[in-house]
Amino acid sequence: MCLGIPGQITELVDLEFLVAKVDIGGVKRDVIITCVVDDEHPAESCVGDWVLVHAGFAMSRLDEEEAARTLALLAELGDMQAEIDLMRQVETSA
């Protein structure tokens, strides 16, 4: 299973190779934005966009509301995993 994580483009790093800086949960990474750039949405208009990032590529654009919902869901999954891990610890110590 592949997981894409929402991030917001904060700046353009390299227009020739279509690389942008993306803020993903407070961590800034260089990401290739080729998949989200086209004639109607050039690289220069991408700053501020929310994108779904996977393996160093911005795979698609998404609106801020969808990004917030996805981030909330990922946080819930993390909480659920912590609960499952705790249950496993209790189960193995019993």
PDB file of N, CA and C in Angstrom:
ATOM      1  N   MET A   1       0.849  -1.178   0.000  1.00  0.00           N
ATOM      2  CA  MET A   1       0.000   0.000   0.000  1.00  0.00           C
ATOM      3  C   MET A   1       0.891   1.236   0.000  1.00  0.00           C
ATOM      4  N   CYS A   2       0.522   2.203  -0.781  1.00  0.00           N
ATOM      5  CA  CYS A   2       1.243   3.471  -0.850  1.00  0.00           C
ATOM      6  C   CYS A   2       0.465   4.527  -0.086  1.00  0.00           C
ATOM      7  N   LEU A   3       1.183   5.411   0.542  1.00  0.00           N
ATOM      8  CA  LEU A   3       0.549   6.457   1.324  1.00  0.00           C
ATOM      9  C   LEU A   3       1.026   7.812   0.846  1.00  0.00           C
ATOM     10  N   GLY A   4       0.082   8.660   0.488  1.00  0.00           N
ATOM     11  CA  GLY A   4       0.398  10.034   0.129  1.00  0.00           C
ATOM     12  C   GLY A   4       0.039  10.926   1.305  1.00  0.00           C
ATOM     13  N   ILE A   5       0.880  11.905   1.578  1.00  0.00           N
ATOM     14  CA  ILE A   5       0.668  12.793   2.713  1.00  0.00           C
ATOM     15  C   ILE A   5       0.491  14.218   2.203  1.00  0.00           C
ATOM     16  N   PRO A   6      -0.530  14.924   2.695  1.00  0.00           N
ATOM     17  CA  PRO A   6      -0.734  16.302   2.259  1.00  0.00           C
ATOM     18  C   PRO A   6       0.380  17.232   2.748  1.00  0.00           C
ATOM     19  N   GLY A   7       0.756  18.141   1.873  1.00  0.00           N
ATOM     20  CA  GLY A   7       1.726  19.164   2.221  1.00  0.00           C
ATOM     21  C   GLY A   7       1.417  20.415   1.420  1.00  0.00           C
ATOM     22  N   GLN A   8       1.935  21.539   1.884  1.00  0.00           N
ATOM     23  CA  GLN A   8       1.671  22.814   1.214  1.00  0.00           C
ATOM     24  C   GLN A   8       2.955  23.346   0.591  1.00  0.00           C
ATOM     25  N   ILE A   9       2.865  23.699  -0.686  1.00  0.00           N
ATOM     26  CA  ILE A   9       4.012  24.261  -1.389  1.00  0.00           C
ATOM     27  C   ILE A   9       4.287  25.659  -0.832  1.00  0.00           C
ATOM     28  N   THR A  10       5.527  25.865  -0.377  1.00  0.00           N
ATOM     29  CA  THR A  10       5.882  27.150   0.229  1.00  0.00           C
ATOM     30  C   THR A  10       6.772  28.009  -0.654  1.00  0.00           C
ATOM     31  N   GLU A  11       7.518  27.360  -1.543  1.00  0.00           N
ATOM     32  CA  GLU A  11       8.375  28.132  -2.449  1.00  0.00           C
ATOM     33  C   GLU A  11       8.822  27.254  -3.606  1.00  0.00           C
ATOM     34  N   LEU A  12       9.216  27.909  -4.685  1.00  0.00           N
ATOM     35  CA  LEU A  12       9.794  27.209  -5.826  1.00  0.00           C
ATOM     36  C   LEU A  12      11.302  27.180  -5.652  1.00  0.00           C
ATOM     37  N   VAL A  13      11.884  26.013  -5.820  1.00  0.00           N
ATOM     38  CA  VAL A  13      13.320  25.846  -5.618  1.00  0.00           C
ATOM     39  C   VAL A  13      14.054  25.861  -6.957  1.00  0.00           C
ATOM     40  N   ASP A  14      13.482  25.182  -7.950  1.00  0.00           N
ATOM     41  CA  ASP A  14      14.133  25.073  -9.254  1.00  0.00           C
ATOM     42  C   ASP A  14      13.063  24.972 -10.334  1.00  0.00           C
ATOM     43  N   LEU A  15      12.876  26.046 -11.079  1.00  0.00           N
ATOM     44  CA  LEU A  15      11.848  26.066 -12.129  1.00  0.00           C
ATOM     45  C   LEU A  15      12.201  25.154 -13.305  1.00  0.00           C
ATOM     46  N   GLU A  16      13.476  25.021 -13.614  1.00  0.00           N
ATOM     47  CA  GLU A  16      13.871  24.172 -14.742  1.00  0.00           C
ATOM     48  C   GLU A  16      13.499  22.710 -14.501  1.00  0.00           C
ATOM     49  N   PHE A  17      13.740  22.225 -13.281  1.00  0.00           N
ATOM     50  CA  PHE A  17      13.465  20.828 -12.964  1.00  0.00           C
ATOM     51  C   PHE A  17      12.164  20.646 -12.174  1.00  0.00           C
ATOM     52  N   LEU A  18      11.414  21.734 -12.032  1.00  0.00           N
ATOM     53  CA  LEU A  18      10.117  21.732 -11.346  1.00  0.00           C
ATOM     54  C   LEU A  18      10.196  21.137  -9.942  1.00  0.00           C
ATOM     55  N   VAL A  19      11.047  21.739  -9.139  1.00  0.00           N
ATOM     56  CA  VAL A  19      11.218  21.337  -7.741  1.00  0.00           C
ATOM     57  C   VAL A  19      10.703  22.464  -6.856  1.00  0.00           C
ATOM     58  N   ALA A  20       9.923  22.083  -5.856  1.00  0.00           N
ATOM     59  CA  ALA A  20       9.382  23.061  -4.911  1.00  0.00           C
ATOM     60  C   ALA A  20       9.644  22.601  -3.491  1.00  0.00           C
ATOM     61  N   LYS A  21       9.658  23.550  -2.576  1.00  0.00           N
ATOM     62  CA  LYS A  21       9.751  23.244  -1.146  1.00  0.00           C
ATOM     63  C   LYS A  21       8.323  23.051  -0.656  1.00  0.00           C
ATOM     64  N   VAL A  22       8.071  21.921   0.017  1.00  0.00           N
ATOM     65  CA  VAL A  22       6.736  21.597   0.518  1.00  0.00           C
ATOM     66  C   VAL A  22       6.815  21.391   2.027  1.00  0.00           C
ATOM     67  N   ASP A  23       5.890  22.025   2.738  1.00  0.00           N
ATOM     68  CA  ASP A  23       5.791  21.880   4.193  1.00  0.00           C
ATOM     69  C   ASP A  23       4.861  20.718   4.484  1.00  0.00           C
ATOM     70  N   ILE A  24       5.425  19.669   5.073  1.00  0.00           N
ATOM     71  CA  ILE A  24       4.657  18.474   5.427  1.00  0.00           C
ATOM     72  C   ILE A  24       4.715  18.331   6.946  1.00  0.00           C
ATOM     73  N   GLY A  25       3.674  18.790   7.607  1.00  0.00           N
ATOM     74  CA  GLY A  25       3.627  18.693   9.066  1.00  0.00           C
ATOM     75  C   GLY A  25       4.749  19.430   9.761  1.00  0.00           C
ATOM     76  N   GLY A  26       5.168  20.557   9.196  1.00  0.00           N
ATOM     77  CA  GLY A  26       6.231  21.339   9.806  1.00  0.00           C
ATOM     78  C   GLY A  26       7.625  20.991   9.304  1.00  0.00           C
ATOM     79  N   VAL A  27       7.740  19.931   8.523  1.00  0.00           N
ATOM     80  CA  VAL A  27       9.016  19.528   7.937  1.00  0.00           C
ATOM     81  C   VAL A  27       9.014  19.953   6.475  1.00  0.00           C
ATOM     82  N   LYS A  28      10.037  20.690   6.074  1.00  0.00           N
ATOM     83  CA  LYS A  28      10.101  21.163   4.687  1.00  0.00           C
ATOM     84  C   LYS A  28      10.998  20.250   3.866  1.00  0.00           C
ATOM     85  N   ARG A  29      10.449  19.812   2.731  1.00  0.00           N
ATOM     86  CA  ARG A  29      11.153  18.894   1.838  1.00  0.00           C
ATOM     87  C   ARG A  29      11.105  19.414   0.412  1.00  0.00           C
ATOM     88  N   ASP A  30      12.144  19.108  -0.351  1.00  0.00           N
ATOM     89  CA  ASP A  30      12.100  19.377  -1.782  1.00  0.00           C
ATOM     90  C   ASP A  30      11.280  18.273  -2.444  1.00  0.00           C
ATOM     91  N   VAL A  31      10.354  18.679  -3.295  1.00  0.00           N
ATOM     92  CA  VAL A  31       9.426  17.749  -3.939  1.00  0.00           C
ATOM     93  C   VAL A  31       9.338  18.106  -5.418  1.00  0.00           C
ATOM     94  N   ILE A  32       9.283  17.110  -6.261  1.00  0.00           N
ATOM     95  CA  ILE A  32       9.118  17.326  -7.695  1.00  0.00           C
ATOM     96  C   ILE A  32       7.637  17.556  -7.978  1.00  0.00           C
ATOM     97  N   ILE A  33       7.324  18.652  -8.671  1.00  0.00           N
ATOM     98  CA  ILE A  33       5.921  19.040  -8.874  1.00  0.00           C
ATOM     99  C   ILE A  33       5.440  18.836 -10.318  1.00  0.00           C
ATOM    100  N   THR A  34       6.177  18.078 -11.096  1.00  0.00           N
ATOM    101  CA  THR A  34       5.834  17.850 -12.499  1.00  0.00           C
ATOM    102  C   THR A  34       4.386  17.397 -12.681  1.00  0.00           C
ATOM    103  N   CYS A  35       3.900  16.537 -11.814  1.00  0.00           N
ATOM    104  CA  CYS A  35       2.551  15.961 -11.960  1.00  0.00           C
ATOM    105  C   CYS A  35       1.429  16.961 -11.691  1.00  0.00           C
ATOM    106  N   VAL A  36       1.733  18.084 -11.057  1.00  0.00           N
ATOM    107  CA  VAL A  36       0.674  19.051 -10.726  1.00  0.00           C
ATOM    108  C   VAL A  36       0.780  20.339 -11.534  1.00  0.00           C
ATOM    109  N   VAL A  37       1.702  20.362 -12.480  1.00  0.00           N
ATOM    110  CA  VAL A  37       1.918  21.544 -13.315  1.00  0.00           C
ATOM    111  C   VAL A  37       1.409  21.250 -14.718  1.00  0.00           C
ATOM    112  N   ASP A  38       0.689  22.207 -15.292  1.00  0.00           N
ATOM    113  CA  ASP A  38       0.262  22.106 -16.685  1.00  0.00           C
ATOM    114  C   ASP A  38       0.085  23.520 -17.247  1.00  0.00           C
ATOM    115  N   ASP A  39      -0.394  23.609 -18.479  1.00  0.00           N
ATOM    116  CA  ASP A  39      -0.543  24.925 -19.117  1.00  0.00           C
ATOM    117  C   ASP A  39      -1.500  25.834 -18.356  1.00  0.00           C
ATOM    118  N   GLU A  40      -2.543  25.246 -17.761  1.00  0.00           N
ATOM    119  CA  GLU A  40      -3.534  26.034 -17.027  1.00  0.00           C
ATOM    120  C   GLU A  40      -3.093  26.360 -15.604  1.00  0.00           C
ATOM    121  N   HIS A  41      -2.117  25.615 -15.099  1.00  0.00           N
ATOM    122  CA  HIS A  41      -1.632  25.814 -13.728  1.00  0.00           C
ATOM    123  C   HIS A  41      -0.102  25.713 -13.744  1.00  0.00           C
ATOM    124  N   PRO A  42       0.579  26.781 -14.206  1.00  0.00           N
ATOM    125  CA  PRO A  42       2.048  26.741 -14.291  1.00  0.00           C
ATOM    126  C   PRO A  42       2.704  26.725 -12.908  1.00  0.00           C
ATOM    127  N   ALA A  43       3.967  26.364 -12.909  1.00  0.00           N
ATOM    128  CA  ALA A  43       4.714  26.244 -11.651  1.00  0.00           C
ATOM    129  C   ALA A  43       4.634  27.512 -10.815  1.00  0.00           C
ATOM    130  N   GLU A  44       4.690  28.656 -11.462  1.00  0.00           N
ATOM    131  CA  GLU A  44       4.684  29.929 -10.732  1.00  0.00           C
ATOM    132  C   GLU A  44       3.407  30.133  -9.918  1.00  0.00           C
ATOM    133  N   SER A  45       2.339  29.449 -10.269  1.00  0.00           N
ATOM    134  CA  SER A  45       1.081  29.614  -9.535  1.00  0.00           C
ATOM    135  C   SER A  45       0.886  28.545  -8.453  1.00  0.00           C
ATOM    136  N   CYS A  46       1.881  27.709  -8.248  1.00  0.00           N
ATOM    137  CA  CYS A  46       1.738  26.590  -7.299  1.00  0.00           C
ATOM    138  C   CYS A  46       2.007  26.956  -5.837  1.00  0.00           C
ATOM    139  N   VAL A  47       2.719  28.035  -5.584  1.00  0.00           N
ATOM    140  CA  VAL A  47       3.021  28.406  -4.194  1.00  0.00           C
ATOM    141  C   VAL A  47       1.706  28.634  -3.451  1.00  0.00           C
ATOM    142  N   GLY A  48       1.566  27.951  -2.322  1.00  0.00           N
ATOM    143  CA  GLY A  48       0.333  28.023  -1.531  1.00  0.00           C
ATOM    144  C   GLY A  48      -0.581  26.838  -1.773  1.00  0.00           C
ATOM    145  N   ASP A  49      -0.363  26.098  -2.874  1.00  0.00           N
ATOM    146  CA  ASP A  49      -1.195  24.925  -3.176  1.00  0.00           C
ATOM    147  C   ASP A  49      -0.941  23.806  -2.173  1.00  0.00           C
ATOM    148  N   TRP A  50      -1.988  23.053  -1.905  1.00  0.00           N
ATOM    149  CA  TRP A  50      -1.875  21.811  -1.141  1.00  0.00           C
ATOM    150  C   TRP A  50      -1.741  20.676  -2.140  1.00  0.00           C
ATOM    151  N   VAL A  51      -0.796  19.768  -1.873  1.00  0.00           N
ATOM    152  CA  VAL A  51      -0.551  18.645  -2.766  1.00  0.00           C
ATOM    153  C   VAL A  51      -0.436  17.354  -1.956  1.00  0.00           C
ATOM    154  N   LEU A  52      -0.701  16.261  -2.629  1.00  0.00           N
ATOM    155  CA  LEU A  52      -0.535  14.944  -2.028  1.00  0.00           C
ATOM    156  C   LEU A  52       0.847  14.439  -2.422  1.00  0.00           C
ATOM    157  N   VAL A  53       1.720  14.214  -1.445  1.00  0.00           N
ATOM    158  CA  VAL A  53       3.119  13.871  -1.692  1.00  0.00           C
ATOM    159  C   VAL A  53       3.357  12.386  -1.416  1.00  0.00           C
ATOM    160  N   HIS A  54       4.015  11.755  -2.377  1.00  0.00           N
ATOM    161  CA  HIS A  54       4.422  10.353  -2.211  1.00  0.00           C
ATOM    162  C   HIS A  54       5.793  10.173  -2.862  1.00  0.00           C
ATOM    163  N   ALA A  55       6.720   9.644  -2.117  1.00  0.00           N
ATOM    164  CA  ALA A  55       8.054   9.304  -2.619  1.00  0.00           C
ATOM    165  C   ALA A  55       8.749  10.489  -3.302  1.00  0.00           C
ATOM    166  N   GLY A  56       8.580  11.684  -2.748  1.00  0.00           N
ATOM    167  CA  GLY A  56       9.263  12.843  -3.272  1.00  0.00           C
ATOM    168  C   GLY A  56       8.588  13.531  -4.443  1.00  0.00           C
ATOM    169  N   PHE A  57       7.379  13.081  -4.781  1.00  0.00           N
ATOM    170  CA  PHE A  57       6.628  13.677  -5.883  1.00  0.00           C
ATOM    171  C   PHE A  57       5.291  14.211  -5.376  1.00  0.00           C
ATOM    172  N   ALA A  58       4.912  15.384  -5.866  1.00  0.00           N
ATOM    173  CA  ALA A  58       3.554  15.891  -5.640  1.00  0.00           C
ATOM    174  C   ALA A  58       2.686  15.196  -6.682  1.00  0.00           C
ATOM    175  N   MET A  59       1.828  14.293  -6.235  1.00  0.00           N
ATOM    176  CA  MET A  59       1.055  13.455  -7.158  1.00  0.00           C
ATOM    177  C   MET A  59      -0.208  14.148  -7.663  1.00  0.00           C
ATOM    178  N   SER A  60      -0.808  14.987  -6.824  1.00  0.00           N
ATOM    179  CA  SER A  60      -2.028  15.693  -7.221  1.00  0.00           C
ATOM    180  C   SER A  60      -2.224  16.892  -6.305  1.00  0.00           C
ATOM    181  N   ARG A  61      -3.032  17.846  -6.790  1.00  0.00           N
ATOM    182  CA  ARG A  61      -3.408  18.987  -5.955  1.00  0.00           C
ATOM    183  C   ARG A  61      -4.679  18.630  -5.204  1.00  0.00           C
ATOM    184  N   LEU A  62      -4.851  19.207  -4.029  1.00  0.00           N
ATOM    185  CA  LEU A  62      -6.093  19.048  -3.288  1.00  0.00           C
ATOM    186  C   LEU A  62      -6.391  20.352  -2.576  1.00  0.00           C
ATOM    187  N   ASP A  63      -7.672  20.551  -2.245  1.00  0.00           N
ATOM    188  CA  ASP A  63      -8.010  21.808  -1.577  1.00  0.00           C
ATOM    189  C   ASP A  63      -7.663  21.711  -0.092  1.00  0.00           C
ATOM    190  N   GLU A  64      -7.650  22.867   0.554  1.00  0.00           N
ATOM    191  CA  GLU A  64      -7.219  22.931   1.954  1.00  0.00           C
ATOM    192  C   GLU A  64      -8.109  22.093   2.873  1.00  0.00           C
ATOM    193  N   GLU A  65      -9.406  22.062   2.594  1.00  0.00           N
ATOM    194  CA  GLU A  65     -10.335  21.279   3.412  1.00  0.00           C
ATOM    195  C   GLU A  65     -10.035  19.779   3.303  1.00  0.00           C
ATOM    196  N   GLU A  66      -9.798  19.311   2.093  1.00  0.00           N
ATOM    197  CA  GLU A  66      -9.470  17.897   1.905  1.00  0.00           C
ATOM    198  C   GLU A  66      -8.139  17.555   2.566  1.00  0.00           C
ATOM    199  N   ALA A  67      -7.172  18.476   2.479  1.00  0.00           N
ATOM    200  CA  ALA A  67      -5.880  18.266   3.132  1.00  0.00           C
ATOM    201  C   ALA A  67      -6.063  18.152   4.645  1.00  0.00           C
ATOM    202  N   ALA A  68      -6.878  19.025   5.227  1.00  0.00           N
ATOM    203  CA  ALA A  68      -7.120  18.996   6.675  1.00  0.00           C
ATOM    204  C   ALA A  68      -7.797  17.689   7.087  1.00  0.00           C
ATOM    205  N   ARG A  69      -8.781  17.244   6.302  1.00  0.00           N
ATOM    206  CA  ARG A  69      -9.457  15.974   6.618  1.00  0.00           C
ATOM    207  C   ARG A  69      -8.479  14.804   6.556  1.00  0.00           C
ATOM    208  N   THR A  70      -7.644  14.803   5.546  1.00  0.00           N
ATOM    209  CA  THR A  70      -6.669  13.714   5.399  1.00  0.00           C
ATOM    210  C   THR A  70      -5.664  13.723   6.538  1.00  0.00           C
ATOM    211  N   LEU A  71      -5.172  14.900   6.917  1.00  0.00           N
ATOM    212  CA  LEU A  71      -4.227  14.992   8.031  1.00  0.00           C
ATOM    213  C   LEU A  71      -4.871  14.537   9.334  1.00  0.00           C
ATOM    214  N   ALA A  72      -6.143  14.882   9.553  1.00  0.00           N
ATOM    215  CA  ALA A  72      -6.851  14.446  10.760  1.00  0.00           C
ATOM    216  C   ALA A  72      -7.003  12.927  10.771  1.00  0.00           C
ATOM    217  N   LEU A  73      -7.330  12.359   9.630  1.00  0.00           N
ATOM    218  CA  LEU A  73      -7.473  10.906   9.534  1.00  0.00           C
ATOM    219  C   LEU A  73      -6.146  10.207   9.799  1.00  0.00           C
ATOM    220  N   LEU A  74      -5.064  10.733   9.249  1.00  0.00           N
ATOM    221  CA  LEU A  74      -3.746  10.141   9.498  1.00  0.00           C
ATOM    222  C   LEU A  74      -3.388  10.220  10.979  1.00  0.00           C
ATOM    223  N   ALA A  75      -3.753  11.321  11.640  1.00  0.00           N
ATOM    224  CA  ALA A  75      -3.500  11.447  13.083  1.00  0.00           C
ATOM    225  C   ALA A  75      -4.300  10.404  13.857  1.00  0.00           C
ATOM    226  N   GLU A  76      -5.566  10.192  13.462  1.00  0.00           N
ATOM    227  CA  GLU A  76      -6.389   9.174  14.115  1.00  0.00           C
ATOM    228  C   GLU A  76      -5.799   7.786  13.926  1.00  0.00           C
ATOM    229  N   LEU A  77      -5.313   7.502  12.720  1.00  0.00           N
ATOM    230  CA  LEU A  77      -4.699   6.199  12.468  1.00  0.00           C
ATOM    231  C   LEU A  77      -3.476   6.000  13.359  1.00  0.00           C
ATOM    232  N   GLY A  78      -2.708   7.066  13.561  1.00  0.00           N
ATOM    233  CA  GLY A  78      -1.556   6.992  14.449  1.00  0.00           C
ATOM    234  C   GLY A  78      -1.981   6.705  15.876  1.00  0.00           C
ATOM    235  N   ASP A  79      -3.077   7.354  16.328  1.00  0.00           N
ATOM    236  CA  ASP A  79      -3.604   7.100  17.676  1.00  0.00           C
ATOM    237  C   ASP A  79      -4.085   5.660  17.791  1.00  0.00           C
ATOM    238  N   MET A  80      -4.762   5.169  16.748  1.00  0.00           N
ATOM    239  CA  MET A  80      -5.271   3.803  16.771  1.00  0.00           C
ATOM    240  C   MET A  80      -4.105   2.814  16.822  1.00  0.00           C
ATOM    241  N   GLN A  81      -3.050   3.079  16.063  1.00  0.00           N
ATOM    242  CA  GLN A  81      -1.890   2.188  16.080  1.00  0.00           C
ATOM    243  C   GLN A  81      -1.255   2.161  17.460  1.00  0.00           C
ATOM    244  N   ALA A  82      -1.201   3.304  18.136  1.00  0.00           N
ATOM    245  CA  ALA A  82      -0.644   3.348  19.490  1.00  0.00           C
ATOM    246  C   ALA A  82      -1.479   2.491  20.442  1.00  0.00           C
ATOM    247  N   GLU A  83      -2.809   2.536  20.296  1.00  0.00           N
ATOM    248  CA  GLU A  83      -3.702   1.714  21.122  1.00  0.00           C
ATOM    249  C   GLU A  83      -3.473   0.225  20.851  1.00  0.00           C
ATOM    250  N   ILE A  84      -3.355  -0.147  19.589  1.00  0.00           N
ATOM    251  CA  ILE A  84      -3.123  -1.558  19.224  1.00  0.00           C
ATOM    252  C   ILE A  84      -1.790  -2.030  19.790  1.00  0.00           C
ATOM    253  N   ASP A  85      -0.760  -1.200  19.677  1.00  0.00           N
ATOM    254  CA  ASP A  85       0.550  -1.553  20.223  1.00  0.00           C
ATOM    255  C   ASP A  85       0.471  -1.754  21.734  1.00  0.00           C
ATOM    256  N   LEU A  86      -0.276  -0.890  22.427  1.00  0.00           N
ATOM    257  CA  LEU A  86      -0.447  -1.017  23.870  1.00  0.00           C
ATOM    258  C   LEU A  86      -1.169  -2.320  24.213  1.00  0.00           C
ATOM    259  N   MET A  87      -2.223  -2.643  23.461  1.00  0.00           N
ATOM    260  CA  MET A  87      -2.958  -3.891  23.699  1.00  0.00           C
ATOM    261  C   MET A  87      -2.039  -5.107  23.492  1.00  0.00           C
ATOM    262  N   ARG A  88      -1.174  -5.040  22.487  1.00  0.00           N
ATOM    263  CA  ARG A  88      -0.243  -6.156  22.239  1.00  0.00           C
ATOM    264  C   ARG A  88       0.738  -6.312  23.396  1.00  0.00           C
ATOM    265  N   GLN A  89       1.179  -5.177  23.941  1.00  0.00           N
ATOM    266  CA  GLN A  89       2.106  -5.235  25.085  1.00  0.00           C
ATOM    267  C   GLN A  89       1.434  -5.873  26.287  1.00  0.00           C
ATOM    268  N   VAL A  90       0.185  -5.491  26.549  1.00  0.00           N
ATOM    269  CA  VAL A  90      -0.564  -6.046  27.678  1.00  0.00           C
ATOM    270  C   VAL A  90      -0.805  -7.539  27.447  1.00  0.00           C
ATOM    271  N   GLU A  91      -1.158  -7.902  26.221  1.00  0.00           N
ATOM    272  CA  GLU A  91      -1.444  -9.296  25.883  1.00  0.00           C
ATOM    273  C   GLU A  91      -0.211 -10.185  26.066  1.00  0.00           C
ATOM    274  N   THR A  92       0.946  -9.704  25.660  1.00  0.00           N
ATOM    275  CA  THR A  92       2.175 -10.532  25.769  1.00  0.00           C
ATOM    276  C   THR A  92       2.699 -10.594  27.200  1.00  0.00           C
ATOM    277  N   SER A  93       2.342  -9.621  28.029  1.00  0.00           N
ATOM    278  CA  SER A  93       2.810  -9.662  29.412  1.00  0.00           C
ATOM    279  C   SER A  93       1.875 -10.450  30.324  1.00  0.00           C
ATOM    280  N   ALA A  94       0.703 -10.821  29.827  1.00  0.00           N
ATOM    281  CA  ALA A  94      -0.267 -11.564  30.648  1.00  0.00           C
ATOM    282  C   ALA A  94       0.024 -13.039  30.676  1.00  0.00           C
TER     283      ALA A  94
END
